[in-house]
PDB file of N, CA and C in Angstrom:
ATOM      1  N   MET A   1     -17.851  -9.360 -12.445  1.00  0.00           N
ATOM      2  CA  MET A   1     -17.283  -9.108 -11.138  1.00  0.00           C
ATOM      3  C   MET A   1     -17.118  -7.591 -10.999  1.00  0.00           C
ATOM      4  N   SER A   2     -17.545  -7.030  -9.879  1.00  0.00           N
ATOM      5  CA  SER A   2     -17.438  -5.589  -9.687  1.00  0.00           C
ATOM      6  C   SER A   2     -15.977  -5.175  -9.591  1.00  0.00           C
ATOM      7  N   THR A   3     -15.725  -3.908  -9.865  1.00  0.00           N
ATOM      8  CA  THR A   3     -14.359  -3.388  -9.834  1.00  0.00           C
ATOM      9  C   THR A   3     -13.755  -3.514  -8.442  1.00  0.00           C
ATOM     10  N   MET A   4     -14.530  -3.196  -7.413  1.00  0.00           N
ATOM     11  CA  MET A   4     -14.022  -3.274  -6.045  1.00  0.00           C
ATOM     12  C   MET A   4     -13.660  -4.709  -5.686  1.00  0.00           C
ATOM     13  N   LEU A   5     -14.535  -5.637  -6.030  1.00  0.00           N
ATOM     14  CA  LEU A   5     -14.258  -7.042  -5.745  1.00  0.00           C
ATOM     15  C   LEU A   5     -13.030  -7.502  -6.520  1.00  0.00           C
ATOM     16  N   HIS A   6     -12.922  -7.067  -7.757  1.00  0.00           N
ATOM     17  CA  HIS A   6     -11.752  -7.416  -8.575  1.00  0.00           C
ATOM     18  C   HIS A   6     -10.475  -6.881  -7.923  1.00  0.00           C
ATOM     19  N   ASN A   7     -10.521  -5.627  -7.416  1.00  0.00           N
ATOM     20  CA  ASN A   7      -9.353  -5.039  -6.752  1.00  0.00           C
ATOM     21  C   ASN A   7      -8.979  -5.834  -5.501  1.00  0.00           C
ATOM     22  N   VAL A   8      -9.967  -6.213  -4.720  1.00  0.00           N
ATOM     23  CA  VAL A   8      -9.699  -6.966  -3.494  1.00  0.00           C
ATOM     24  C   VAL A   8      -9.101  -8.326  -3.836  1.00  0.00           C
ATOM     25  N   VAL A   9      -9.651  -8.995  -4.848  1.00  0.00           N
ATOM     26  CA  VAL A   9      -9.113 -10.296  -5.257  1.00  0.00           C
ATOM     27  C   VAL A   9      -7.677 -10.139  -5.732  1.00  0.00           C
ATOM     28  N   SER A  10      -7.396  -9.072  -6.497  1.00  0.00           N
ATOM     29  CA  SER A  10      -6.032  -8.817  -6.969  1.00  0.00           C
ATOM     30  C   SER A  10      -5.081  -8.594  -5.805  1.00  0.00           C
ATOM     31  N   ILE A  11      -5.534  -7.836  -4.823  1.00  0.00           N
ATOM     32  CA  ILE A  11      -4.700  -7.558  -3.652  1.00  0.00           C
ATOM     33  C   ILE A  11      -4.419  -8.844  -2.885  1.00  0.00           C
ATOM     34  N   LEU A  12      -5.437  -9.646  -2.704  1.00  0.00           N
ATOM     35  CA  LEU A  12      -5.246 -10.900  -1.979  1.00  0.00           C
ATOM     36  C   LEU A  12      -4.279 -11.812  -2.718  1.00  0.00           C
ATOM     37  N   PHE A  13      -4.379 -11.847  -4.031  1.00  0.00           N
ATOM     38  CA  PHE A  13      -3.457 -12.645  -4.829  1.00  0.00           C
ATOM     39  C   PHE A  13      -2.029 -12.136  -4.659  1.00  0.00           C
ATOM     40  N   LEU A  14      -1.852 -10.816  -4.695  1.00  0.00           N
ATOM     41  CA  LEU A  14      -0.518 -10.251  -4.503  1.00  0.00           C
ATOM     42  C   LEU A  14       0.012 -10.529  -3.101  1.00  0.00           C
ATOM     43  N   LEU A  15      -0.874 -10.484  -2.109  1.00  0.00           N
ATOM     44  CA  LEU A  15      -0.438 -10.801  -0.749  1.00  0.00           C
ATOM     45  C   LEU A  15       0.053 -12.239  -0.659  1.00  0.00           C
ATOM     46  N   LEU A  16      -0.644 -13.140  -1.336  1.00  0.00           N
ATOM     47  CA  LEU A  16      -0.200 -14.537  -1.371  1.00  0.00           C
ATOM     48  C   LEU A  16       1.187 -14.653  -1.983  1.00  0.00           C
ATOM     49  N   ILE A  17       1.404 -13.945  -3.085  1.00  0.00           N
ATOM     50  CA  ILE A  17       2.706 -13.980  -3.755  1.00  0.00           C
ATOM     51  C   ILE A  17       3.774 -13.397  -2.843  1.00  0.00           C
ATOM     52  N   LEU A  18       3.481 -12.221  -2.244  1.00  0.00           N
ATOM     53  CA  LEU A  18       4.468 -11.575  -1.383  1.00  0.00           C
ATOM     54  C   LEU A  18       4.819 -12.434  -0.173  1.00  0.00           C
ATOM     55  N   SER A  19       3.849 -13.173   0.343  1.00  0.00           N
ATOM     56  CA  SER A  19       4.126 -13.988   1.527  1.00  0.00           C
ATOM     57  C   SER A  19       5.021 -15.179   1.207  1.00  0.00           C
ATOM     58  N   SER A  20       5.139 -15.532  -0.063  1.00  0.00           N
ATOM     59  CA  SER A  20       5.968 -16.676  -0.418  1.00  0.00           C
ATOM     60  C   SER A  20       7.335 -16.284  -0.955  1.00  0.00           C
ATOM     61  N   ILE A  21       7.624 -14.973  -1.037  1.00  0.00           N
ATOM     62  CA  ILE A  21       8.908 -14.517  -1.558  1.00  0.00           C
ATOM     63  C   ILE A  21       9.994 -14.739  -0.521  1.00  0.00           C
ATOM     64  N   SER A  22      11.114 -15.238  -0.965  1.00  0.00           N
ATOM     65  CA  SER A  22      12.265 -15.425  -0.092  1.00  0.00           C
ATOM     66  C   SER A  22      13.231 -14.271  -0.297  1.00  0.00           C
ATOM     67  N   PHE A  23      13.757 -13.754   0.765  1.00  0.00           N
ATOM     68  CA  PHE A  23      14.706 -12.647   0.682  1.00  0.00           C
ATOM     69  C   PHE A  23      16.133 -13.146   0.863  1.00  0.00           C
ATOM     70  N   ALA A  24      16.441 -14.324   0.327  1.00  0.00           N
ATOM     71  CA  ALA A  24      17.763 -14.904   0.460  1.00  0.00           C
ATOM     72  C   ALA A  24      18.828 -14.072  -0.246  1.00  0.00           C
ATOM     73  N   GLU A  25      18.420 -13.269  -1.221  1.00  0.00           N
ATOM     74  CA  GLU A  25      19.382 -12.469  -1.968  1.00  0.00           C
ATOM     75  C   GLU A  25      19.887 -11.289  -1.159  1.00  0.00           C
ATOM     76  N   GLY A  26      19.327 -11.015  -0.039  1.00  0.00           N
ATOM     77  CA  GLY A  26      19.746  -9.884   0.776  1.00  0.00           C
ATOM     78  C   GLY A  26      18.551  -9.076   1.232  1.00  0.00           C
ATOM     79  N   MET A  27      18.834  -8.032   1.935  1.00  0.00           N
ATOM     80  CA  MET A  27      17.803  -7.172   2.498  1.00  0.00           C
ATOM     81  C   MET A  27      17.158  -6.349   1.396  1.00  0.00           C
ATOM     82  N   PRO A  28      15.816  -6.295   1.355  1.00  0.00           N
ATOM     83  CA  PRO A  28      15.157  -5.441   0.368  1.00  0.00           C
ATOM     84  C   PRO A  28      15.519  -3.975   0.609  1.00  0.00           C
ATOM     85  N   ALA A  29      15.522  -3.191  -0.453  1.00  0.00           N
ATOM     86  CA  ALA A  29      15.914  -1.784  -0.356  1.00  0.00           C
ATOM     87  C   ALA A  29      15.073  -1.032   0.665  1.00  0.00           C
ATOM     88  N   CYS A  30      13.783  -1.364   0.755  1.00  0.00           N
ATOM     89  CA  CYS A  30      12.915  -0.631   1.669  1.00  0.00           C
ATOM     90  C   CYS A  30      13.246  -0.895   3.134  1.00  0.00           C
ATOM     91  N   LEU A  31      13.992  -1.975   3.419  1.00  0.00           N
ATOM     92  CA  LEU A  31      14.365  -2.274   4.800  1.00  0.00           C
ATOM     93  C   LEU A  31      15.789  -1.861   5.134  1.00  0.00           C
ATOM     94  N   SER A  32      16.498  -1.313   4.167  1.00  0.00           N
ATOM     95  CA  SER A  32      17.861  -0.833   4.379  1.00  0.00           C
ATOM     96  C   SER A  32      17.822   0.686   4.486  1.00  0.00           C
ATOM     97  N   PRO A  33      17.732   1.209   5.703  1.00  0.00           N
ATOM     98  CA  PRO A  33      17.574   2.650   5.848  1.00  0.00           C
ATOM     99  C   PRO A  33      18.781   3.426   5.330  1.00  0.00           C
ATOM    100  N   ASP A  34      18.499   4.495   4.641  1.00  0.00           N
ATOM    101  CA  ASP A  34      19.510   5.400   4.129  1.00  0.00           C
ATOM    102  C   ASP A  34      19.015   6.794   4.458  1.00  0.00           C
ATOM    103  N   ALA A  35      19.811   7.546   5.184  1.00  0.00           N
ATOM    104  CA  ALA A  35      19.376   8.862   5.635  1.00  0.00           C
ATOM    105  C   ALA A  35      19.016   9.785   4.477  1.00  0.00           C
ATOM    106  N   LYS A  36      19.580   9.544   3.297  1.00  0.00           N
ATOM    107  CA  LYS A  36      19.336  10.413   2.146  1.00  0.00           C
ATOM    108  C   LYS A  36      18.066  10.045   1.392  1.00  0.00           C
ATOM    109  N   LYS A  37      17.495   8.891   1.694  1.00  0.00           N
ATOM    110  CA  LYS A  37      16.327   8.424   0.948  1.00  0.00           C
ATOM    111  C   LYS A  37      15.116   8.301   1.862  1.00  0.00           C
ATOM    112  N   ASN A  38      13.968   8.610   1.301  1.00  0.00           N
ATOM    113  CA  ASN A  38      12.724   8.344   2.010  1.00  0.00           C
ATOM    114  C   ASN A  38      12.001   7.228   1.273  1.00  0.00           C
ATOM    115  N   ALA A  39      10.868   6.796   1.792  1.00  0.00           N
ATOM    116  CA  ALA A  39      10.146   5.663   1.196  1.00  0.00           C
ATOM    117  C   ALA A  39       9.760   5.939  -0.249  1.00  0.00           C
ATOM    118  N   GLU A  40       9.312   7.166  -0.537  1.00  0.00           N
ATOM    119  CA  GLU A  40       8.903   7.485  -1.906  1.00  0.00           C
ATOM    120  C   GLU A  40      10.072   7.414  -2.885  1.00  0.00           C
ATOM    121  N   SER A  41      11.246   7.897  -2.471  1.00  0.00           N
ATOM    122  CA  SER A  41      12.396   7.862  -3.387  1.00  0.00           C
ATOM    123  C   SER A  41      12.887   6.434  -3.606  1.00  0.00           C
ATOM    124  N   ILE A  42      12.768   5.590  -2.602  1.00  0.00           N
ATOM    125  CA  ILE A  42      13.146   4.181  -2.768  1.00  0.00           C
ATOM    126  C   ILE A  42      12.200   3.504  -3.748  1.00  0.00           C
ATOM    127  N   ILE A  43      10.899   3.761  -3.616  1.00  0.00           N
ATOM    128  CA  ILE A  43       9.914   3.189  -4.536  1.00  0.00           C
ATOM    129  C   ILE A  43      10.153   3.709  -5.947  1.00  0.00           C
ATOM    130  N   ALA A  44      10.459   5.001  -6.074  1.00  0.00           N
ATOM    131  CA  ALA A  44      10.687   5.586  -7.400  1.00  0.00           C
ATOM    132  C   ALA A  44      11.929   4.993  -8.066  1.00  0.00           C
ATOM    133  N   SER A  45      12.953   4.669  -7.282  1.00  0.00           N
ATOM    134  CA  SER A  45      14.177   4.116  -7.860  1.00  0.00           C
ATOM    135  C   SER A  45      14.055   2.615  -8.144  1.00  0.00           C
ATOM    136  N   ASN A  46      13.085   1.956  -7.548  1.00  0.00           N
ATOM    137  CA  ASN A  46      12.799   0.540  -7.792  1.00  0.00           C
ATOM    138  C   ASN A  46      11.334   0.435  -8.182  1.00  0.00           C
ATOM    139  N   PRO A  47      11.005   0.822  -9.417  1.00  0.00           N
ATOM    140  CA  PRO A  47       9.595   0.933  -9.780  1.00  0.00           C
ATOM    141  C   PRO A  47       8.811  -0.363  -9.598  1.00  0.00           C
ATOM    142  N   ILE A  48       7.687  -0.223  -8.929  1.00  0.00           N
ATOM    143  CA  ILE A  48       6.749  -1.329  -8.791  1.00  0.00           C
ATOM    144  C   ILE A  48       5.381  -0.792  -9.188  1.00  0.00           C
ATOM    145  N   SER A  49       4.501  -1.670  -9.568  1.00  0.00           N
ATOM    146  CA  SER A  49       3.168  -1.251  -9.998  1.00  0.00           C
ATOM    147  C   SER A  49       2.369  -0.728  -8.810  1.00  0.00           C
ATOM    148  N   ASP A  50       1.342   0.039  -9.127  1.00  0.00           N
ATOM    149  CA  ASP A  50       0.460   0.543  -8.074  1.00  0.00           C
ATOM    150  C   ASP A  50      -0.206  -0.594  -7.314  1.00  0.00           C
ATOM    151  N   HIS A  51      -0.552  -1.677  -8.031  1.00  0.00           N
ATOM    152  CA  HIS A  51      -1.195  -2.808  -7.363  1.00  0.00           C
ATOM    153  C   HIS A  51      -0.247  -3.482  -6.375  1.00  0.00           C
ATOM    154  N   GLU A  52       1.023  -3.632  -6.756  1.00  0.00           N
ATOM    155  CA  GLU A  52       1.979  -4.240  -5.832  1.00  0.00           C
ATOM    156  C   GLU A  52       2.229  -3.328  -4.648  1.00  0.00           C
ATOM    157  N   LEU A  53       2.339  -2.028  -4.904  1.00  0.00           N
ATOM    158  CA  LEU A  53       2.526  -1.073  -3.816  1.00  0.00           C
ATOM    159  C   LEU A  53       1.344  -1.132  -2.850  1.00  0.00           C
ATOM    160  N   LEU A  54       0.142  -1.199  -3.403  1.00  0.00           N
ATOM    161  CA  LEU A  54      -1.051  -1.306  -2.568  1.00  0.00           C
ATOM    162  C   LEU A  54      -1.033  -2.597  -1.755  1.00  0.00           C
ATOM    163  N   ALA A  55      -0.674  -3.698  -2.383  1.00  0.00           N
ATOM    164  CA  ALA A  55      -0.629  -4.980  -1.681  1.00  0.00           C
ATOM    165  C   ALA A  55       0.392  -4.940  -0.546  1.00  0.00           C
ATOM    166  N   ARG A  56       1.547  -4.360  -0.803  1.00  0.00           N
ATOM    167  CA  ARG A  56       2.579  -4.269   0.248  1.00  0.00           C
ATOM    168  C   ARG A  56       2.119  -3.406   1.408  1.00  0.00           C
ATOM    169  N   MET A  57       1.485  -2.278   1.093  1.00  0.00           N
ATOM    170  CA  MET A  57       1.032  -1.391   2.143  1.00  0.00           C
ATOM    171  C   MET A  57      -0.084  -2.047   2.951  1.00  0.00           C
ATOM    172  N   VAL A  58      -1.020  -2.709   2.270  1.00  0.00           N
ATOM    173  CA  VAL A  58      -2.114  -3.386   2.967  1.00  0.00           C
ATOM    174  C   VAL A  58      -1.547  -4.459   3.899  1.00  0.00           C
ATOM    175  N   TYR A  59      -0.574  -5.205   3.415  1.00  0.00           N
ATOM    176  CA  TYR A  59       0.048  -6.252   4.233  1.00  0.00           C
ATOM    177  C   TYR A  59       0.722  -5.642   5.463  1.00  0.00           C
ATOM    178  N   ALA A  60       1.523  -4.591   5.258  1.00  0.00           N
ATOM    179  CA  ALA A  60       2.232  -3.960   6.386  1.00  0.00           C
ATOM    180  C   ALA A  60       1.248  -3.337   7.372  1.00  0.00           C
ATOM    181  N   GLU A  61       0.266  -2.641   6.853  1.00  0.00           N
ATOM    182  CA  GLU A  61      -0.726  -1.997   7.723  1.00  0.00           C
ATOM    183  C   GLU A  61      -1.524  -3.051   8.488  1.00  0.00           C
ATOM    184  N   GLY A  62      -1.893  -4.137   7.813  1.00  0.00           N
ATOM    185  CA  GLY A  62      -2.645  -5.208   8.464  1.00  0.00           C
ATOM    186  C   GLY A  62      -1.873  -5.852   9.597  1.00  0.00           C
ATOM    187  N   LEU A  63      -0.590  -6.100   9.362  1.00  0.00           N
ATOM    188  CA  LEU A  63       0.234  -6.685  10.430  1.00  0.00           C
ATOM    189  C   LEU A  63       0.371  -5.736  11.607  1.00  0.00           C
ATOM    190  N   SER A  64       0.434  -4.433  11.323  1.00  0.00           N
ATOM    191  CA  SER A  64       0.624  -3.459  12.403  1.00  0.00           C
ATOM    192  C   SER A  64      -0.605  -3.335  13.307  1.00  0.00           C
ATOM    193  N   THR A  65      -1.756  -3.833  12.853  1.00  0.00           N
ATOM    194  CA  THR A  65      -2.971  -3.725  13.666  1.00  0.00           C
ATOM    195  C   THR A  65      -3.009  -4.731  14.807  1.00  0.00           C
ATOM    196  N   GLY A  66      -2.205  -5.783  14.690  1.00  0.00           N
ATOM    197  CA  GLY A  66      -2.263  -6.846  15.685  1.00  0.00           C
ATOM    198  C   GLY A  66      -3.291  -7.909  15.336  1.00  0.00           C
ATOM    199  N   PHE A  67      -3.986  -7.728  14.214  1.00  0.00           N
ATOM    200  CA  PHE A  67      -4.985  -8.694  13.748  1.00  0.00           C
ATOM    201  C   PHE A  67      -4.588  -9.238  12.378  1.00  0.00           C
ATOM    202  N   GLY A  68      -3.295  -9.501  12.204  1.00  0.00           N
ATOM    203  CA  GLY A  68      -2.757  -9.946  10.929  1.00  0.00           C
ATOM    204  C   GLY A  68      -3.305 -11.258  10.418  1.00  0.00           C
ATOM    205  N   ASP A  69      -3.962 -12.021  11.271  1.00  0.00           N
ATOM    206  CA  ASP A  69      -4.529 -13.297  10.832  1.00  0.00           C
ATOM    207  C   ASP A  69      -5.992 -13.166  10.395  1.00  0.00           C
ATOM    208  N   ASP A  70      -6.542 -11.967  10.458  1.00  0.00           N
ATOM    209  CA  ASP A  70      -7.943 -11.742  10.089  1.00  0.00           C
ATOM    210  C   ASP A  70      -8.017 -11.104   8.704  1.00  0.00           C
ATOM    211  N   GLN A  71      -8.513 -11.854   7.737  1.00  0.00           N
ATOM    212  CA  GLN A  71      -8.580 -11.398   6.347  1.00  0.00           C
ATOM    213  C   GLN A  71      -9.437 -10.146   6.188  1.00  0.00           C
ATOM    214  N   LEU A  72     -10.438  -9.987   7.041  1.00  0.00           N
ATOM    215  CA  LEU A  72     -11.304  -8.813   6.952  1.00  0.00           C
ATOM    216  C   LEU A  72     -10.533  -7.520   7.193  1.00  0.00           C
ATOM    217  N   VAL A  73      -9.484  -7.580   8.007  1.00  0.00           N
ATOM    218  CA  VAL A  73      -8.662  -6.402   8.257  1.00  0.00           C
ATOM    219  C   VAL A  73      -8.012  -5.942   6.954  1.00  0.00           C
ATOM    220  N   TYR A  74      -7.458  -6.885   6.186  1.00  0.00           N
ATOM    221  CA  TYR A  74      -6.805  -6.541   4.918  1.00  0.00           C
ATOM    222  C   TYR A  74      -7.819  -5.985   3.924  1.00  0.00           C
ATOM    223  N   ASN A  75      -8.997  -6.600   3.879  1.00  0.00           N
ATOM    224  CA  ASN A  75     -10.047  -6.109   2.980  1.00  0.00           C
ATOM    225  C   ASN A  75     -10.445  -4.682   3.344  1.00  0.00           C
ATOM    226  N   ALA A  76     -10.586  -4.408   4.631  1.00  0.00           N
ATOM    227  CA  ALA A  76     -11.000  -3.080   5.081  1.00  0.00           C
ATOM    228  C   ALA A  76      -9.936  -2.029   4.749  1.00  0.00           C
ATOM    229  N   ILE A  77      -8.676  -2.370   4.915  1.00  0.00           N
ATOM    230  CA  ILE A  77      -7.603  -1.428   4.605  1.00  0.00           C
ATOM    231  C   ILE A  77      -7.577  -1.133   3.111  1.00  0.00           C
ATOM    232  N   ALA A  78      -7.679  -2.167   2.285  1.00  0.00           N
ATOM    233  CA  ALA A  78      -7.695  -1.977   0.836  1.00  0.00           C
ATOM    234  C   ALA A  78      -8.905  -1.138   0.426  1.00  0.00           C
ATOM    235  N   TRP A  79     -10.055  -1.411   1.022  1.00  0.00           N
ATOM    236  CA  TRP A  79     -11.249  -0.640   0.718  1.00  0.00           C
ATOM    237  C   TRP A  79     -11.036   0.825   1.082  1.00  0.00           C
ATOM    238  N   GLY A  80     -10.445   1.077   2.249  1.00  0.00           N
ATOM    239  CA  GLY A  80     -10.194   2.447   2.691  1.00  0.00           C
ATOM    240  C   GLY A  80      -9.293   3.208   1.737  1.00  0.00           C
ATOM    241  N   VAL A  81      -8.243   2.562   1.269  1.00  0.00           N
ATOM    242  CA  VAL A  81      -7.331   3.210   0.316  1.00  0.00           C
ATOM    243  C   VAL A  81      -8.075   3.529  -0.974  1.00  0.00           C
ATOM    244  N   MET A  82      -8.783   2.538  -1.516  1.00  0.00           N
ATOM    245  CA  MET A  82      -9.466   2.751  -2.788  1.00  0.00           C
ATOM    246  C   MET A  82     -10.592   3.777  -2.653  1.00  0.00           C
ATOM    247  N   ASN A  83     -11.227   3.867  -1.504  1.00  0.00           N
ATOM    248  CA  ASN A  83     -12.235   4.891  -1.263  1.00  0.00           C
ATOM    249  C   ASN A  83     -11.597   6.275  -1.314  1.00  0.00           C
ATOM    250  N   ARG A  84     -10.440   6.434  -0.703  1.00  0.00           N
ATOM    251  CA  ARG A  84      -9.739   7.722  -0.727  1.00  0.00           C
ATOM    252  C   ARG A  84      -9.276   8.068  -2.135  1.00  0.00           C
ATOM    253  N   VAL A  85      -8.835   7.054  -2.891  1.00  0.00           N
ATOM    254  CA  VAL A  85      -8.432   7.291  -4.281  1.00  0.00           C
ATOM    255  C   VAL A  85      -9.622   7.838  -5.069  1.00  0.00           C
ATOM    256  N   ARG A  86     -10.769   7.200  -4.937  1.00  0.00           N
ATOM    257  CA  ARG A  86     -11.962   7.629  -5.671  1.00  0.00           C
ATOM    258  C   ARG A  86     -12.422   9.016  -5.237  1.00  0.00           C
ATOM    259  N   LEU A  87     -12.378   9.301  -3.945  1.00  0.00           N
ATOM    260  CA  LEU A  87     -12.748  10.635  -3.464  1.00  0.00           C
ATOM    261  C   LEU A  87     -11.814  11.690  -4.052  1.00  0.00           C
ATOM    262  N   GLY A  88     -10.514  11.395  -4.081  1.00  0.00           N
ATOM    263  CA  GLY A  88      -9.538  12.329  -4.638  1.00  0.00           C
ATOM    264  C   GLY A  88      -9.731  12.576  -6.118  1.00  0.00           C
ATOM    265  N   GLU A  89     -10.231  11.580  -6.830  1.00  0.00           N
ATOM    266  CA  GLU A  89     -10.483  11.736  -8.269  1.00  0.00           C
ATOM    267  C   GLU A  89     -11.695  12.629  -8.535  1.00  0.00           C
ATOM    268  N   ARG A  90     -12.590  12.748  -7.578  1.00  0.00           N
ATOM    269  CA  ARG A  90     -13.837  13.477  -7.801  1.00  0.00           C
ATOM    270  C   ARG A  90     -13.898  14.855  -7.156  1.00  0.00           C
ATOM    271  N   SER A  91     -12.978  15.128  -6.242  1.00  0.00           N
ATOM    272  CA  SER A  91     -13.054  16.388  -5.506  1.00  0.00           C
ATOM    273  C   SER A  91     -11.648  16.927  -5.235  1.00  0.00           C
ATOM    274  N   HIS A  92     -11.441  18.197  -5.567  1.00  0.00           N
ATOM    275  CA  HIS A  92     -10.127  18.810  -5.318  1.00  0.00           C
ATOM    276  C   HIS A  92      -9.830  18.925  -3.827  1.00  0.00           C
ATOM    277  N   SER A  93     -10.853  19.187  -3.025  1.00  0.00           N
ATOM    278  CA  SER A  93     -10.607  19.287  -1.581  1.00  0.00           C
ATOM    279  C   SER A  93     -10.237  17.918  -1.002  1.00  0.00           C
ATOM    280  N   MET A  94     -10.879  16.857  -1.489  1.00  0.00           N
ATOM    281  CA  MET A  94     -10.521  15.508  -1.035  1.00  0.00           C
ATOM    282  C   MET A  94      -9.129  15.116  -1.541  1.00  0.00           C
ATOM    283  N   GLN A  95      -8.796  15.573  -2.735  1.00  0.00           N
ATOM    284  CA  GLN A  95      -7.464  15.303  -3.277  1.00  0.00           C
ATOM    285  C   GLN A  95      -6.394  15.941  -2.398  1.00  0.00           C
ATOM    286  N   ARG A  96      -6.645  17.156  -1.920  1.00  0.00           N
ATOM    287  CA  ARG A  96      -5.692  17.801  -1.013  1.00  0.00           C
ATOM    288  C   ARG A  96      -5.618  17.052   0.312  1.00  0.00           C
ATOM    289  N   ALA A  97      -6.753  16.537   0.775  1.00  0.00           N
ATOM    290  CA  ALA A  97      -6.795  15.833   2.057  1.00  0.00           C
ATOM    291  C   ALA A  97      -6.159  14.455   1.980  1.00  0.00           C
ATOM    292  N   TYR A  98      -6.417  13.717   0.886  1.00  0.00           N
ATOM    293  CA  TYR A  98      -5.999  12.317   0.817  1.00  0.00           C
ATOM    294  C   TYR A  98      -4.915  12.018  -0.207  1.00  0.00           C
ATOM    295  N   GLY A  99      -4.655  12.894  -1.160  1.00  0.00           N
ATOM    296  CA  GLY A  99      -3.681  12.620  -2.201  1.00  0.00           C
ATOM    297  C   GLY A  99      -4.364  12.190  -3.487  1.00  0.00           C
ATOM    298  N   LEU A 100      -3.570  12.047  -4.541  1.00  0.00           N
ATOM    299  CA  LEU A 100      -4.099  11.675  -5.848  1.00  0.00           C
ATOM    300  C   LEU A 100      -3.561  10.317  -6.251  1.00  0.00           C
ATOM    301  N   GLY A 101      -4.428   9.401  -6.575  1.00  0.00           N
ATOM    302  CA  GLY A 101      -4.037   8.065  -6.995  1.00  0.00           C
ATOM    303  C   GLY A 101      -3.583   7.215  -5.821  1.00  0.00           C
ATOM    304  N   ILE A 102      -3.277   5.967  -6.121  1.00  0.00           N
ATOM    305  CA  ILE A 102      -2.875   5.021  -5.075  1.00  0.00           C
ATOM    306  C   ILE A 102      -1.605   5.490  -4.378  1.00  0.00           C
ATOM    307  N   ARG A 103      -0.594   5.878  -5.154  1.00  0.00           N
ATOM    308  CA  ARG A 103       0.657   6.351  -4.551  1.00  0.00           C
ATOM    309  C   ARG A 103       0.439   7.612  -3.714  1.00  0.00           C
ATOM    310  N   GLY A 104      -0.359   8.526  -4.228  1.00  0.00           N
ATOM    311  CA  GLY A 104      -0.634   9.756  -3.490  1.00  0.00           C
ATOM    312  C   GLY A 104      -1.302   9.501  -2.162  1.00  0.00           C
ATOM    313  N   VAL A 105      -2.255   8.576  -2.154  1.00  0.00           N
ATOM    314  CA  VAL A 105      -2.961   8.243  -0.917  1.00  0.00           C
ATOM    315  C   VAL A 105      -2.027   7.546   0.069  1.00  0.00           C
ATOM    316  N   ILE A 106      -1.259   6.589  -0.422  1.00  0.00           N
ATOM    317  CA  ILE A 106      -0.381   5.819   0.468  1.00  0.00           C
ATOM    318  C   ILE A 106       0.683   6.703   1.102  1.00  0.00           C
ATOM    319  N   PHE A 107       1.257   7.613   0.321  1.00  0.00           N
ATOM    320  CA  PHE A 107       2.362   8.418   0.829  1.00  0.00           C
ATOM    321  C   PHE A 107       1.945   9.781   1.367  1.00  0.00           C
ATOM    322  N   LYS A 108       0.656  10.056   1.427  1.00  0.00           N
ATOM    323  CA  LYS A 108       0.190  11.315   2.006  1.00  0.00           C
ATOM    324  C   LYS A 108       0.553  11.331   3.493  1.00  0.00           C
ATOM    325  N   LYS A 109       1.187  12.387   3.905  1.00  0.00           N
ATOM    326  CA  LYS A 109       1.637  12.496   5.296  1.00  0.00           C
ATOM    327  C   LYS A 109       0.479  12.278   6.258  1.00  0.00           C
ATOM    328  N   GLY A 110       0.703  11.416   7.236  1.00  0.00           N
ATOM    329  CA  GLY A 110      -0.284  11.153   8.271  1.00  0.00           C
ATOM    330  C   GLY A 110      -1.321  10.097   7.919  1.00  0.00           C
ATOM    331  N   GLN A 111      -1.231   9.494   6.750  1.00  0.00           N
ATOM    332  CA  GLN A 111      -2.242   8.526   6.343  1.00  0.00           C
ATOM    333  C   GLN A 111      -1.905   7.098   6.778  1.00  0.00           C
ATOM    334  N   PHE A 112      -0.824   6.556   6.237  1.00  0.00           N
ATOM    335  CA  PHE A 112      -0.482   5.159   6.491  1.00  0.00           C
ATOM    336  C   PHE A 112       0.969   5.064   6.940  1.00  0.00           C
ATOM    337  N   ASN A 113       1.179   4.991   8.225  1.00  0.00           N
ATOM    338  CA  ASN A 113       2.529   4.978   8.776  1.00  0.00           C
ATOM    339  C   ASN A 113       3.389   3.806   8.284  1.00  0.00           C
ATOM    340  N   PRO A 114       2.891   2.559   8.188  1.00  0.00           N
ATOM    341  CA  PRO A 114       3.758   1.480   7.715  1.00  0.00           C
ATOM    342  C   PRO A 114       4.318   1.707   6.310  1.00  0.00           C
ATOM    343  N   ALA A 115       3.623   2.459   5.477  1.00  0.00           N
ATOM    344  CA  ALA A 115       4.136   2.744   4.138  1.00  0.00           C
ATOM    345  C   ALA A 115       5.381   3.618   4.229  1.00  0.00           C
ATOM    346  N   ILE A 116       5.446   4.442   5.237  1.00  0.00           N
ATOM    347  CA  ILE A 116       6.583   5.348   5.390  1.00  0.00           C
ATOM    348  C   ILE A 116       7.696   4.697   6.191  1.00  0.00           C
ATOM    349  N   SER A 117       7.341   3.938   7.214  1.00  0.00           N
ATOM    350  CA  SER A 117       8.373   3.337   8.054  1.00  0.00           C
ATOM    351  C   SER A 117       8.735   1.957   7.565  1.00  0.00           C
TER     352      SER A 117
END
């Protein structure tokens, strides 16, 4: 199985898991705004894997498109993130434009608004 296909399958699996999570224990930290914290500091204080972060961002970004029921939208968003990650790994100018690694790409200013909001 190719790496890209493996990544997409992993993301889809994580999306399935995330869609079945119940928040009965209270509001998740990322939905409880605190003026002193930004999205990156909340993620840093509640460490999650890069794959889970990617799955959450893909899910949020997909819903924000208005086509949340179309699986191709989620695949395209995940592909776009991973393309930027790979470009950043190979070129310093692309790294400045898109960030370094999954977290760098997701939290790069102006890239993915749902990750920040």
